[in-house]
Amino acid sequence: MASFKLFAVWSLSVCLCLCPFSASAQLRQNYYAKVCPNVETIVRNAVRLKFQQTFVTIPGTLRLFFHDCFVQGCDASVIVASTPNNKAEKDHPDNLSLAGDGFDTVIKAKAAVDAVPSCRNKVSCADILTMATRDVIALSGGPSYAVELGRLDGLVSTAASVNGRLPQPTFNLNQLNALFASHGLSQTDMIALSAAHTLGFSHCGKFSNRIYNFSRQNPVDPTLNRDYATQLQGMCPRNNGMGLFTSDQVLFTDPRSRPTVNAWASSTPAFQRAFVTAMTKLGRVGVKTGRNGNIRRDCSVFN
């Protein structure tokens, strides 16, 4: 059994409207080499600084990326704030659990990028979120990998677009596979993303004291949001020594997915390779190009 424990939670707040478009062909590594050659270093430094302030940076950013890509594609539409005339994605009930630190990570990274004159308004919020997600995965002990860039930011964000896009707790493997397959993702991709999308690669032990044994007066760290602490307790049960994926009963008990679960439980490198593949495929979903997108000056507001 692999020594480091991954959270195997299929969060009910994940939105699954993955729409593969041919526009993903425009994505490539080093997309900003000519206009902002140090963008990945700038974003990485901003993410590291945010992480030093709070560990919630990791699950917050990772979940934000999934929620963004799963509704209308990877276009930073989940970051847009509501207005009196439009209720945006982020204010749909299914997105209210997204941690504010995830949004703040992107905002701070965007500010760091735009502080460089040659980079100002040259890098999309969608790409900044993609880079930040890769960086929090690495900070939490997961793999660092090359990211494809070149996304534009979306021009639409509505709460209505989130409706009906969540997997239900009663979903069986057939239903999960059908949902992912309709968006070009395999069962292997689904298992990999299910295993790591909420908190990534962190050990429960790294913060279990904050949700169970913080102090005699406060078993739970009072600085943690109460709802988020409850969510962490659900992902990291007390005395759960079962290891990889055990909290997701569908994946662990179905004989079709169990071999993959067991194989990855005994081989961290195999899991990481599958995870990088799945994340790369997910990052190609719903890419906006041309008139379908732009580069937002403020990630939370349409230009």
C-alpha atoms as a PDB file:
ATOM      1  CA  MET A   1       0.000   0.000   0.000  1.00  0.00           C
ATOM      2  CA  ALA A   2       1.423   3.379  -0.950  1.00  0.00           C
ATOM      3  CA  SER A   3       2.537   5.311   2.079  1.00  0.00           C
ATOM      4  CA  PHE A   4       1.189   8.657   1.066  1.00  0.00           C
ATOM      5  CA  LYS A   5      -2.534   8.887   1.330  1.00  0.00           C
ATOM      6  CA  LEU A   6      -4.607  10.523  -1.378  1.00  0.00           C
ATOM      7  CA  PHE A   7      -8.074  11.757  -0.775  1.00  0.00           C
ATOM      8  CA  ALA A   8     -10.452   9.678  -2.839  1.00  0.00           C
ATOM      9  CA  VAL A   9     -13.485  11.865  -2.723  1.00  0.00           C
ATOM     10  CA  TRP A  10     -15.887  12.491  -5.534  1.00  0.00           C
ATOM     11  CA  SER A  11     -17.075  15.910  -4.388  1.00  0.00           C
ATOM     12  CA  LEU A  12     -20.711  16.591  -5.018  1.00  0.00           C
ATOM     13  CA  SER A  13     -19.796  20.123  -5.985  1.00  0.00           C
ATOM     14  CA  VAL A  14     -17.918  19.136  -9.124  1.00  0.00           C
ATOM     15  CA  CYS A  15     -19.572  20.336 -12.278  1.00  0.00           C
ATOM     16  CA  LEU A  16     -19.375  18.031 -15.249  1.00  0.00           C
ATOM     17  CA  CYS A  17     -20.116  19.825 -18.459  1.00  0.00           C
ATOM     18  CA  LEU A  18     -16.971  18.934 -20.340  1.00  0.00           C
ATOM     19  CA  CYS A  19     -17.157  20.001 -23.944  1.00  0.00           C
ATOM     20  CA  PRO A  20     -14.171  19.040 -26.082  1.00  0.00           C
ATOM     21  CA  PHE A  21     -13.629  21.482 -28.914  1.00  0.00           C
ATOM     22  CA  SER A  22     -11.146  21.472 -31.733  1.00  0.00           C
ATOM     23  CA  ALA A  23      -9.981  24.866 -30.452  1.00  0.00           C
ATOM     24  CA  SER A  24      -7.742  22.947 -28.062  1.00  0.00           C
ATOM     25  CA  ALA A  25      -5.409  22.540 -31.026  1.00  0.00           C
ATOM     26  CA  GLN A  26      -4.161  26.090 -30.392  1.00  0.00           C
ATOM     27  CA  LEU A  27      -2.756  25.094 -27.002  1.00  0.00           C
ATOM     28  CA  ARG A  28       0.968  24.565 -26.725  1.00  0.00           C
ATOM     29  CA  GLN A  29       3.760  24.680 -24.215  1.00  0.00           C
ATOM     30  CA  ASN A  30       5.696  27.948 -23.943  1.00  0.00           C
ATOM     31  CA  TYR A  31       2.822  29.824 -25.559  1.00  0.00           C
ATOM     32  CA  TYR A  32       3.927  33.127 -23.992  1.00  0.00           C
ATOM     33  CA  ALA A  33       7.637  32.755 -24.770  1.00  0.00           C
ATOM     34  CA  LYS A  34       7.761  35.918 -26.878  1.00  0.00           C
ATOM     35  CA  VAL A  35       5.455  38.227 -24.911  1.00  0.00           C
ATOM     36  CA  CYS A  36       5.929  37.099 -21.309  1.00  0.00           C
ATOM     37  CA  PRO A  37       8.741  34.552 -21.189  1.00  0.00           C
ATOM     38  CA  ASN A  38       8.895  34.346 -17.382  1.00  0.00           C
ATOM     39  CA  VAL A  39       5.164  33.927 -16.817  1.00  0.00           C
ATOM     40  CA  GLU A  40       5.406  30.438 -15.330  1.00  0.00           C
ATOM     41  CA  THR A  41       8.024  31.540 -12.820  1.00  0.00           C
ATOM     42  CA  ILE A  42       5.966  34.595 -11.900  1.00  0.00           C
ATOM     43  CA  VAL A  43       2.850  32.518 -11.308  1.00  0.00           C
ATOM     44  CA  ARG A  44       4.760  29.838  -9.407  1.00  0.00           C
ATOM     45  CA  ASN A  45       6.247  32.404  -7.049  1.00  0.00           C
ATOM     46  CA  ALA A  46       2.854  33.990  -6.407  1.00  0.00           C
ATOM     47  CA  VAL A  47       1.303  30.587  -5.713  1.00  0.00           C
ATOM     48  CA  ARG A  48       4.123  29.651  -3.357  1.00  0.00           C
ATOM     49  CA  LEU A  49       3.649  32.876  -1.425  1.00  0.00           C
ATOM     50  CA  LYS A  50      -0.078  32.248  -1.125  1.00  0.00           C
ATOM     51  CA  PHE A  51       0.560  28.671  -0.012  1.00  0.00           C
ATOM     52  CA  GLN A  52       2.818  29.945   2.770  1.00  0.00           C
ATOM     53  CA  GLN A  53      -0.157  31.917   4.044  1.00  0.00           C
ATOM     54  CA  THR A  54      -2.626  29.013   4.056  1.00  0.00           C
ATOM     55  CA  PHE A  55      -2.645  25.357   3.063  1.00  0.00           C
ATOM     56  CA  VAL A  56      -6.198  25.874   1.758  1.00  0.00           C
ATOM     57  CA  THR A  57      -4.488  27.299  -1.329  1.00  0.00           C
ATOM     58  CA  ILE A  58      -4.009  23.718  -2.531  1.00  0.00           C
ATOM     59  CA  PRO A  59      -7.564  22.328  -2.433  1.00  0.00           C
ATOM     60  CA  GLY A  60      -9.055  25.736  -3.173  1.00  0.00           C
ATOM     61  CA  THR A  61      -7.128  26.219  -6.412  1.00  0.00           C
ATOM     62  CA  LEU A  62      -7.445  22.618  -7.549  1.00  0.00           C
ATOM     63  CA  ARG A  63     -11.196  22.544  -7.043  1.00  0.00           C
ATOM     64  CA  LEU A  64     -11.549  25.914  -8.757  1.00  0.00           C
ATOM     65  CA  PHE A  65      -9.836  24.538 -11.849  1.00  0.00           C
ATOM     66  CA  PHE A  66     -12.139  21.525 -12.010  1.00  0.00           C
ATOM     67  CA  HIS A  67     -15.257  23.586 -11.480  1.00  0.00           C
ATOM     68  CA  ASP A  68     -14.156  25.995 -14.175  1.00  0.00           C
ATOM     69  CA  CYS A  69     -13.318  23.396 -16.794  1.00  0.00           C
ATOM     70  CA  PHE A  70     -16.379  21.252 -16.109  1.00  0.00           C
ATOM     71  CA  VAL A  71     -18.801  24.093 -16.866  1.00  0.00           C
ATOM     72  CA  GLN A  72     -18.383  25.656 -20.320  1.00  0.00           C
ATOM     73  CA  GLY A  73     -14.733  24.679 -20.527  1.00  0.00           C
ATOM     74  CA  CYS A  74     -11.485  26.031 -19.104  1.00  0.00           C
ATOM     75  CA  ASP A  75     -12.202  29.731 -19.559  1.00  0.00           C
ATOM     76  CA  ALA A  76     -12.087  31.241 -16.039  1.00  0.00           C
ATOM     77  CA  SER A  77     -15.850  31.846 -16.170  1.00  0.00           C
ATOM     78  CA  VAL A  78     -16.220  30.514 -12.617  1.00  0.00           C
ATOM     79  CA  ILE A  79     -14.145  33.450 -11.328  1.00  0.00           C
ATOM     80  CA  VAL A  80     -16.478  36.128 -12.718  1.00  0.00           C
ATOM     81  CA  ALA A  81     -18.501  37.961 -10.065  1.00  0.00           C
ATOM     82  CA  SER A  82     -22.246  38.368 -10.264  1.00  0.00           C
ATOM     83  CA  THR A  83     -23.812  41.716 -11.133  1.00  0.00           C
ATOM     84  CA  PRO A  84     -27.308  43.105 -10.515  1.00  0.00           C
ATOM     85  CA  ASN A  85     -28.212  41.878 -13.995  1.00  0.00           C
ATOM     86  CA  ASN A  86     -26.468  38.516 -13.988  1.00  0.00           C
ATOM     87  CA  LYS A  87     -26.051  35.737 -11.449  1.00  0.00           C
ATOM     88  CA  ALA A  88     -22.698  34.206 -12.330  1.00  0.00           C
ATOM     89  CA  GLU A  89     -21.439  30.630 -12.045  1.00  0.00           C
ATOM     90  CA  LYS A  90     -19.656  31.212  -8.751  1.00  0.00           C
ATOM     91  CA  ASP A  91     -22.965  32.032  -7.027  1.00  0.00           C
ATOM     92  CA  HIS A  92     -24.737  28.865  -8.058  1.00  0.00           C
ATOM     93  CA  PRO A  93     -25.433  26.782  -4.915  1.00  0.00           C
ATOM     94  CA  ASP A  94     -23.125  24.052  -6.191  1.00  0.00           C
ATOM     95  CA  ASN A  95     -20.207  26.496  -6.322  1.00  0.00           C
ATOM     96  CA  LEU A  96     -20.703  28.210  -2.974  1.00  0.00           C
ATOM     97  CA  SER A  97     -18.381  25.671  -1.323  1.00  0.00           C
ATOM     98  CA  LEU A  98     -15.441  26.825  -3.432  1.00  0.00           C
ATOM     99  CA  ALA A  99     -12.823  28.242  -1.079  1.00  0.00           C
ATOM    100  CA  GLY A 100     -12.113  31.941  -1.378  1.00  0.00           C
ATOM    101  CA  ASP A 101      -8.405  31.185  -1.218  1.00  0.00           C
ATOM    102  CA  GLY A 102      -8.635  29.512  -4.618  1.00  0.00           C
ATOM    103  CA  PHE A 103     -10.016  32.685  -6.183  1.00  0.00           C
ATOM    104  CA  ASP A 104      -7.460  34.766  -4.304  1.00  0.00           C
ATOM    105  CA  THR A 105      -4.622  32.620  -5.628  1.00  0.00           C
ATOM    106  CA  VAL A 106      -5.570  33.457  -9.220  1.00  0.00           C
ATOM    107  CA  ILE A 107      -6.145  37.135  -8.441  1.00  0.00           C
ATOM    108  CA  LYS A 108      -2.750  37.481  -6.780  1.00  0.00           C
ATOM    109  CA  ALA A 109      -0.995  35.592  -9.581  1.00  0.00           C
ATOM    110  CA  LYS A 110      -2.724  37.789 -12.163  1.00  0.00           C
ATOM    111  CA  ALA A 111      -1.555  40.909 -10.323  1.00  0.00           C
ATOM    112  CA  ALA A 112       2.007  39.583 -10.229  1.00  0.00           C
ATOM    113  CA  VAL A 113       1.960  38.872 -13.954  1.00  0.00           C
ATOM    114  CA  ASP A 114       0.467  42.251 -14.844  1.00  0.00           C
ATOM    115  CA  ALA A 115       3.042  44.018 -12.679  1.00  0.00           C
ATOM    116  CA  VAL A 116       5.565  43.177 -15.412  1.00  0.00           C
ATOM    117  CA  PRO A 117       5.034  45.791 -18.172  1.00  0.00           C
ATOM    118  CA  SER A 118       5.667  43.406 -21.059  1.00  0.00           C
ATOM    119  CA  CYS A 119       3.183  40.908 -19.608  1.00  0.00           C
ATOM    120  CA  ARG A 120       0.355  43.275 -18.708  1.00  0.00           C
ATOM    121  CA  ASN A 121      -2.951  42.142 -20.223  1.00  0.00           C
ATOM    122  CA  LYS A 122      -1.126  39.519 -22.286  1.00  0.00           C
ATOM    123  CA  VAL A 123      -1.885  36.399 -20.209  1.00  0.00           C
ATOM    124  CA  SER A 124      -5.411  35.069 -19.766  1.00  0.00           C
ATOM    125  CA  CYS A 125      -6.954  34.306 -16.403  1.00  0.00           C
ATOM    126  CA  ALA A 126      -7.767  30.832 -17.702  1.00  0.00           C
ATOM    127  CA  ASP A 127      -4.092  30.144 -18.335  1.00  0.00           C
ATOM    128  CA  ILE A 128      -3.088  31.617 -14.978  1.00  0.00           C
ATOM    129  CA  LEU A 129      -5.540  29.260 -13.260  1.00  0.00           C
ATOM    130  CA  THR A 130      -4.114  26.346 -15.248  1.00  0.00           C
ATOM    131  CA  MET A 131      -0.551  27.178 -14.232  1.00  0.00           C
ATOM    132  CA  ALA A 132      -1.535  27.793 -10.615  1.00  0.00           C
ATOM    133  CA  THR A 133      -3.260  24.427 -10.474  1.00  0.00           C
ATOM    134  CA  ARG A 134      -0.126  22.664 -11.703  1.00  0.00           C
ATOM    135  CA  ASP A 135       1.877  24.551  -9.092  1.00  0.00           C
ATOM    136  CA  VAL A 136      -0.328  23.679  -6.100  1.00  0.00           C
ATOM    137  CA  ILE A 137      -0.224  20.036  -7.149  1.00  0.00           C
ATOM    138  CA  ALA A 138       3.568  20.154  -7.059  1.00  0.00           C
ATOM    139  CA  LEU A 139       3.571  22.000  -3.722  1.00  0.00           C
ATOM    140  CA  SER A 140       1.366  19.313  -2.204  1.00  0.00           C
ATOM    141  CA  GLY A 141       3.736  16.514  -3.172  1.00  0.00           C
ATOM    142  CA  GLY A 142       2.310  15.604  -6.554  1.00  0.00           C
ATOM    143  CA  PRO A 143       4.022  15.725  -9.926  1.00  0.00           C
ATOM    144  CA  SER A 144       5.110  18.899 -11.653  1.00  0.00           C
ATOM    145  CA  TYR A 145       4.334  18.772 -15.343  1.00  0.00           C
ATOM    146  CA  ALA A 146       4.447  20.931 -18.459  1.00  0.00           C
ATOM    147  CA  VAL A 147       1.192  22.754 -19.091  1.00  0.00           C
ATOM    148  CA  GLU A 148      -0.325  23.669 -22.426  1.00  0.00           C
ATOM    149  CA  LEU A 149      -1.269  27.343 -22.688  1.00  0.00           C
ATOM    150  CA  GLY A 150      -3.123  29.600 -25.102  1.00  0.00           C
ATOM    151  CA  ARG A 151      -6.658  29.768 -23.682  1.00  0.00           C
ATOM    152  CA  LEU A 152      -8.751  32.894 -23.861  1.00  0.00           C
ATOM    153  CA  ASP A 153     -11.135  33.933 -21.104  1.00  0.00           C
ATOM    154  CA  GLY A 154     -14.819  33.243 -21.585  1.00  0.00           C
ATOM    155  CA  LEU A 155     -17.365  35.944 -22.316  1.00  0.00           C
ATOM    156  CA  VAL A 156     -20.289  34.328 -20.486  1.00  0.00           C
ATOM    157  CA  SER A 157     -20.825  33.196 -16.898  1.00  0.00           C
ATOM    158  CA  THR A 158     -24.288  32.263 -15.675  1.00  0.00           C
ATOM    159  CA  ALA A 159     -25.489  30.312 -12.690  1.00  0.00           C
ATOM    160  CA  ALA A 160     -27.992  28.580 -14.936  1.00  0.00           C
ATOM    161  CA  SER A 161     -25.164  26.941 -16.877  1.00  0.00           C
ATOM    162  CA  VAL A 162     -24.245  24.961 -13.758  1.00  0.00           C
ATOM    163  CA  ASN A 163     -27.676  23.376 -13.356  1.00  0.00           C
ATOM    164  CA  GLY A 164     -27.781  19.601 -13.602  1.00  0.00           C
ATOM    165  CA  ARG A 165     -24.076  19.205 -14.167  1.00  0.00           C
ATOM    166  CA  LEU A 166     -23.194  17.359 -10.967  1.00  0.00           C
ATOM    167  CA  PRO A 167     -22.786  13.632 -10.450  1.00  0.00           C
ATOM    168  CA  GLN A 168     -25.183  12.296  -7.873  1.00  0.00           C
ATOM    169  CA  PRO A 169     -24.117  10.339  -4.793  1.00  0.00           C
ATOM    170  CA  THR A 170     -26.102   7.406  -6.151  1.00  0.00           C
ATOM    171  CA  PHE A 171     -24.152   7.277  -9.428  1.00  0.00           C
ATOM    172  CA  ASN A 172     -22.735   3.892 -10.249  1.00  0.00           C
ATOM    173  CA  LEU A 173     -19.683   3.262 -12.389  1.00  0.00           C
ATOM    174  CA  ASN A 174     -21.751   3.042 -15.581  1.00  0.00           C
ATOM    175  CA  GLN A 175     -23.171   6.495 -14.989  1.00  0.00           C
ATOM    176  CA  LEU A 176     -19.802   8.005 -14.144  1.00  0.00           C
ATOM    177  CA  ASN A 177     -18.179   6.413 -17.177  1.00  0.00           C
ATOM    178  CA  ALA A 178     -20.950   7.610 -19.473  1.00  0.00           C
ATOM    179  CA  LEU A 179     -20.644  11.136 -18.162  1.00  0.00           C
ATOM    180  CA  PHE A 180     -16.892  11.251 -18.665  1.00  0.00           C
ATOM    181  CA  ALA A 181     -16.929   9.406 -21.983  1.00  0.00           C
ATOM    182  CA  SER A 182     -19.311  11.977 -23.414  1.00  0.00           C
ATOM    183  CA  HIS A 183     -16.521  14.497 -22.925  1.00  0.00           C
ATOM    184  CA  GLY A 184     -13.643  12.437 -24.226  1.00  0.00           C
ATOM    185  CA  LEU A 185     -12.380  11.186 -20.866  1.00  0.00           C
ATOM    186  CA  SER A 186     -11.840   7.519 -20.143  1.00  0.00           C
ATOM    187  CA  GLN A 187     -12.569   5.475 -17.040  1.00  0.00           C
ATOM    188  CA  THR A 188      -8.881   5.735 -16.171  1.00  0.00           C
ATOM    189  CA  ASP A 189      -9.073   9.528 -16.451  1.00  0.00           C
ATOM    190  CA  MET A 190     -12.189   9.555 -14.290  1.00  0.00           C
ATOM    191  CA  ILE A 191     -10.550   7.514 -11.541  1.00  0.00           C
ATOM    192  CA  ALA A 192      -7.403   9.648 -11.578  1.00  0.00           C
ATOM    193  CA  LEU A 193      -9.330  12.914 -11.410  1.00  0.00           C
ATOM    194  CA  SER A 194     -11.709  11.553  -8.777  1.00  0.00           C
ATOM    195  CA  ALA A 195      -8.758  10.593  -6.621  1.00  0.00           C
ATOM    196  CA  ALA A 196      -7.051  13.936  -6.561  1.00  0.00           C
ATOM    197  CA  HIS A 197      -9.397  16.765  -7.529  1.00  0.00           C
ATOM    198  CA  THR A 198     -10.356  17.893  -4.041  1.00  0.00           C
ATOM    199  CA  LEU A 199      -7.131  18.119  -2.105  1.00  0.00           C
ATOM    200  CA  GLY A 200      -4.494  16.646  -4.337  1.00  0.00           C
ATOM    201  CA  PHE A 201      -1.623  14.725  -2.922  1.00  0.00           C
ATOM    202  CA  SER A 202      -1.423  15.846   0.695  1.00  0.00           C
ATOM    203  CA  HIS A 203      -1.158  13.468   3.606  1.00  0.00           C
ATOM    204  CA  CYS A 204      -4.075  13.464   6.003  1.00  0.00           C
ATOM    205  CA  GLY A 205      -1.470  13.576   8.734  1.00  0.00           C
ATOM    206  CA  LYS A 206      -0.237  16.970   7.572  1.00  0.00           C
ATOM    207  CA  PHE A 207      -3.329  18.676   8.926  1.00  0.00           C
ATOM    208  CA  SER A 208      -5.363  16.061  10.840  1.00  0.00           C
ATOM    209  CA  ASN A 209      -4.505  17.797  14.095  1.00  0.00           C
ATOM    210  CA  ARG A 210      -6.300  20.898  12.819  1.00  0.00           C
ATOM    211  CA  ILE A 211      -9.564  19.024  12.290  1.00  0.00           C
ATOM    212  CA  TYR A 212      -9.480  16.611  15.245  1.00  0.00           C
ATOM    213  CA  ASN A 213      -6.935  17.531  17.942  1.00  0.00           C
ATOM    214  CA  PHE A 214      -6.149  21.219  17.636  1.00  0.00           C
ATOM    215  CA  SER A 215      -6.422  21.911  21.377  1.00  0.00           C
ATOM    216  CA  ARG A 216      -8.320  20.793  24.464  1.00  0.00           C
ATOM    217  CA  GLN A 217     -10.687  23.717  24.184  1.00  0.00           C
ATOM    218  CA  ASN A 218     -11.053  23.543  20.385  1.00  0.00           C
ATOM    219  CA  PRO A 219     -10.692  20.108  18.777  1.00  0.00           C
ATOM    220  CA  VAL A 220     -11.105  21.857  15.405  1.00  0.00           C
ATOM    221  CA  ASP A 221      -8.888  24.807  14.526  1.00  0.00           C
ATOM    222  CA  PRO A 222     -11.224  27.812  15.033  1.00  0.00           C
ATOM    223  CA  THR A 223      -9.543  29.676  12.163  1.00  0.00           C
ATOM    224  CA  LEU A 224     -10.882  27.111   9.695  1.00  0.00           C
ATOM    225  CA  ASN A 225     -14.240  27.732   8.095  1.00  0.00           C
ATOM    226  CA  ARG A 226     -16.633  25.384   9.895  1.00  0.00           C
ATOM    227  CA  ASP A 227     -18.173  23.935   6.739  1.00  0.00           C
ATOM    228  CA  TYR A 228     -14.751  23.412   5.196  1.00  0.00           C
ATOM    229  CA  ALA A 229     -13.487  21.684   8.350  1.00  0.00           C
ATOM    230  CA  THR A 230     -16.451  19.321   8.187  1.00  0.00           C
ATOM    231  CA  GLN A 231     -15.641  18.599   4.554  1.00  0.00           C
ATOM    232  CA  LEU A 232     -12.019  17.825   5.454  1.00  0.00           C
ATOM    233  CA  GLN A 233     -13.162  15.449   8.187  1.00  0.00           C
ATOM    234  CA  GLY A 234     -15.260  13.617   5.640  1.00  0.00           C
ATOM    235  CA  MET A 235     -12.279  13.316   3.298  1.00  0.00           C
ATOM    236  CA  CYS A 236      -9.892  12.293   6.043  1.00  0.00           C
ATOM    237  CA  PRO A 237     -11.711  10.044   8.523  1.00  0.00           C
ATOM    238  CA  ARG A 238     -10.153   9.454  11.915  1.00  0.00           C
ATOM    239  CA  ASN A 239      -8.091   6.251  12.032  1.00  0.00           C
ATOM    240  CA  ASN A 240      -8.624   5.526   8.353  1.00  0.00           C
ATOM    241  CA  GLY A 241      -5.648   3.371   7.460  1.00  0.00           C
ATOM    242  CA  MET A 242      -7.119   1.910   4.315  1.00  0.00           C
ATOM    243  CA  GLY A 243      -5.059   4.168   2.084  1.00  0.00           C
ATOM    244  CA  LEU A 244      -5.739   5.115  -1.499  1.00  0.00           C
ATOM    245  CA  PHE A 245      -9.295   5.621  -2.722  1.00  0.00           C
ATOM    246  CA  THR A 246     -11.134   3.885   0.115  1.00  0.00           C
ATOM    247  CA  SER A 247     -13.587   6.705   0.732  1.00  0.00           C
ATOM    248  CA  ASP A 248     -14.972   6.405  -2.779  1.00  0.00           C
ATOM    249  CA  GLN A 249     -16.933   3.208  -2.491  1.00  0.00           C
ATOM    250  CA  VAL A 250     -18.046   3.156  -6.102  1.00  0.00           C
ATOM    251  CA  LEU A 251     -14.506   3.063  -7.433  1.00  0.00           C
ATOM    252  CA  PHE A 252     -13.241   0.748  -4.734  1.00  0.00           C
ATOM    253  CA  THR A 253     -16.017  -1.822  -4.809  1.00  0.00           C
ATOM    254  CA  ASP A 254     -16.857  -2.129  -8.505  1.00  0.00           C
ATOM    255  CA  PRO A 255     -14.777  -4.987  -9.973  1.00  0.00           C
ATOM    256  CA  ARG A 256     -14.188  -3.026 -13.173  1.00  0.00           C
ATOM    257  CA  SER A 257     -12.463  -0.108 -11.444  1.00  0.00           C
ATOM    258  CA  ARG A 258     -10.943  -1.954  -8.483  1.00  0.00           C
ATOM    259  CA  PRO A 259      -7.896  -3.257 -10.409  1.00  0.00           C
ATOM    260  CA  THR A 260      -6.901   0.311 -11.305  1.00  0.00           C
ATOM    261  CA  VAL A 261      -7.438   1.465  -7.735  1.00  0.00           C
ATOM    262  CA  ASN A 262      -5.314  -1.373  -6.371  1.00  0.00           C
ATOM    263  CA  ALA A 263      -2.598  -0.902  -8.968  1.00  0.00           C
ATOM    264  CA  TRP A 264      -2.231   2.774  -8.152  1.00  0.00           C
ATOM    265  CA  ALA A 265      -2.376   2.099  -4.422  1.00  0.00           C
ATOM    266  CA  SER A 266       0.826   0.092  -4.801  1.00  0.00           C
ATOM    267  CA  SER A 267       2.494   2.339  -7.381  1.00  0.00           C
ATOM    268  CA  THR A 268       2.596   6.073  -6.846  1.00  0.00           C
ATOM    269  CA  PRO A 269       4.504   6.677 -10.121  1.00  0.00           C
ATOM    270  CA  ALA A 270       1.810   4.866 -12.098  1.00  0.00           C
ATOM    271  CA  PHE A 271      -0.887   6.986 -10.516  1.00  0.00           C
ATOM    272  CA  GLN A 272       1.025  10.196 -11.136  1.00  0.00           C
ATOM    273  CA  ARG A 273       1.505   9.389 -14.813  1.00  0.00           C
ATOM    274  CA  ALA A 274      -2.205   8.714 -15.210  1.00  0.00           C
ATOM    275  CA  PHE A 275      -3.070  11.850 -13.302  1.00  0.00           C
ATOM    276  CA  VAL A 276      -0.885  14.075 -15.488  1.00  0.00           C
ATOM    277  CA  THR A 277      -2.470  12.578 -18.604  1.00  0.00           C
ATOM    278  CA  ALA A 278      -5.964  13.187 -17.240  1.00  0.00           C
ATOM    279  CA  MET A 279      -5.178  16.747 -16.190  1.00  0.00           C
ATOM    280  CA  THR A 280      -3.733  17.543 -19.609  1.00  0.00           C
ATOM    281  CA  LYS A 281      -6.860  16.204 -21.317  1.00  0.00           C
ATOM    282  CA  LEU A 282      -9.089  18.111 -18.920  1.00  0.00           C
ATOM    283  CA  GLY A 283      -7.201  21.332 -19.645  1.00  0.00           C
ATOM    284  CA  ARG A 284      -8.136  21.034 -23.314  1.00  0.00           C
ATOM    285  CA  VAL A 285     -11.858  21.115 -22.621  1.00  0.00           C
ATOM    286  CA  GLY A 286     -13.866  23.994 -24.025  1.00  0.00           C
ATOM    287  CA  VAL A 287     -10.927  26.207 -24.986  1.00  0.00           C
ATOM    288  CA  LYS A 288     -12.060  29.633 -26.199  1.00  0.00           C
ATOM    289  CA  THR A 289     -10.495  31.234 -29.281  1.00  0.00           C
ATOM    290  CA  GLY A 290     -11.066  34.230 -31.536  1.00  0.00           C
ATOM    291  CA  ARG A 291     -14.312  36.070 -30.945  1.00  0.00           C
ATOM    292  CA  ASN A 292     -15.394  33.524 -28.343  1.00  0.00           C
ATOM    293  CA  GLY A 293     -12.965  34.916 -25.778  1.00  0.00           C
ATOM    294  CA  ASN A 294     -10.531  37.621 -24.740  1.00  0.00           C
ATOM    295  CA  ILE A 295      -7.973  38.389 -22.047  1.00  0.00           C
ATOM    296  CA  ARG A 296      -9.679  39.898 -19.036  1.00  0.00           C
ATOM    297  CA  ARG A 297      -8.017  42.844 -17.368  1.00  0.00           C
ATOM    298  CA  ASP A 298      -9.685  41.800 -14.115  1.00  0.00           C
ATOM    299  CA  CYS A 299     -10.372  38.086 -13.755  1.00  0.00           C
ATOM    300  CA  SER A 300     -13.602  38.724 -11.847  1.00  0.00           C
ATOM    301  CA  VAL A 301     -15.087  41.247 -14.306  1.00  0.00           C
ATOM    302  CA  PHE A 302     -15.827  41.089 -18.012  1.00  0.00           C
ATOM    303  CA  ASN A 303     -13.936  43.698 -20.053  1.00  0.00           C
END
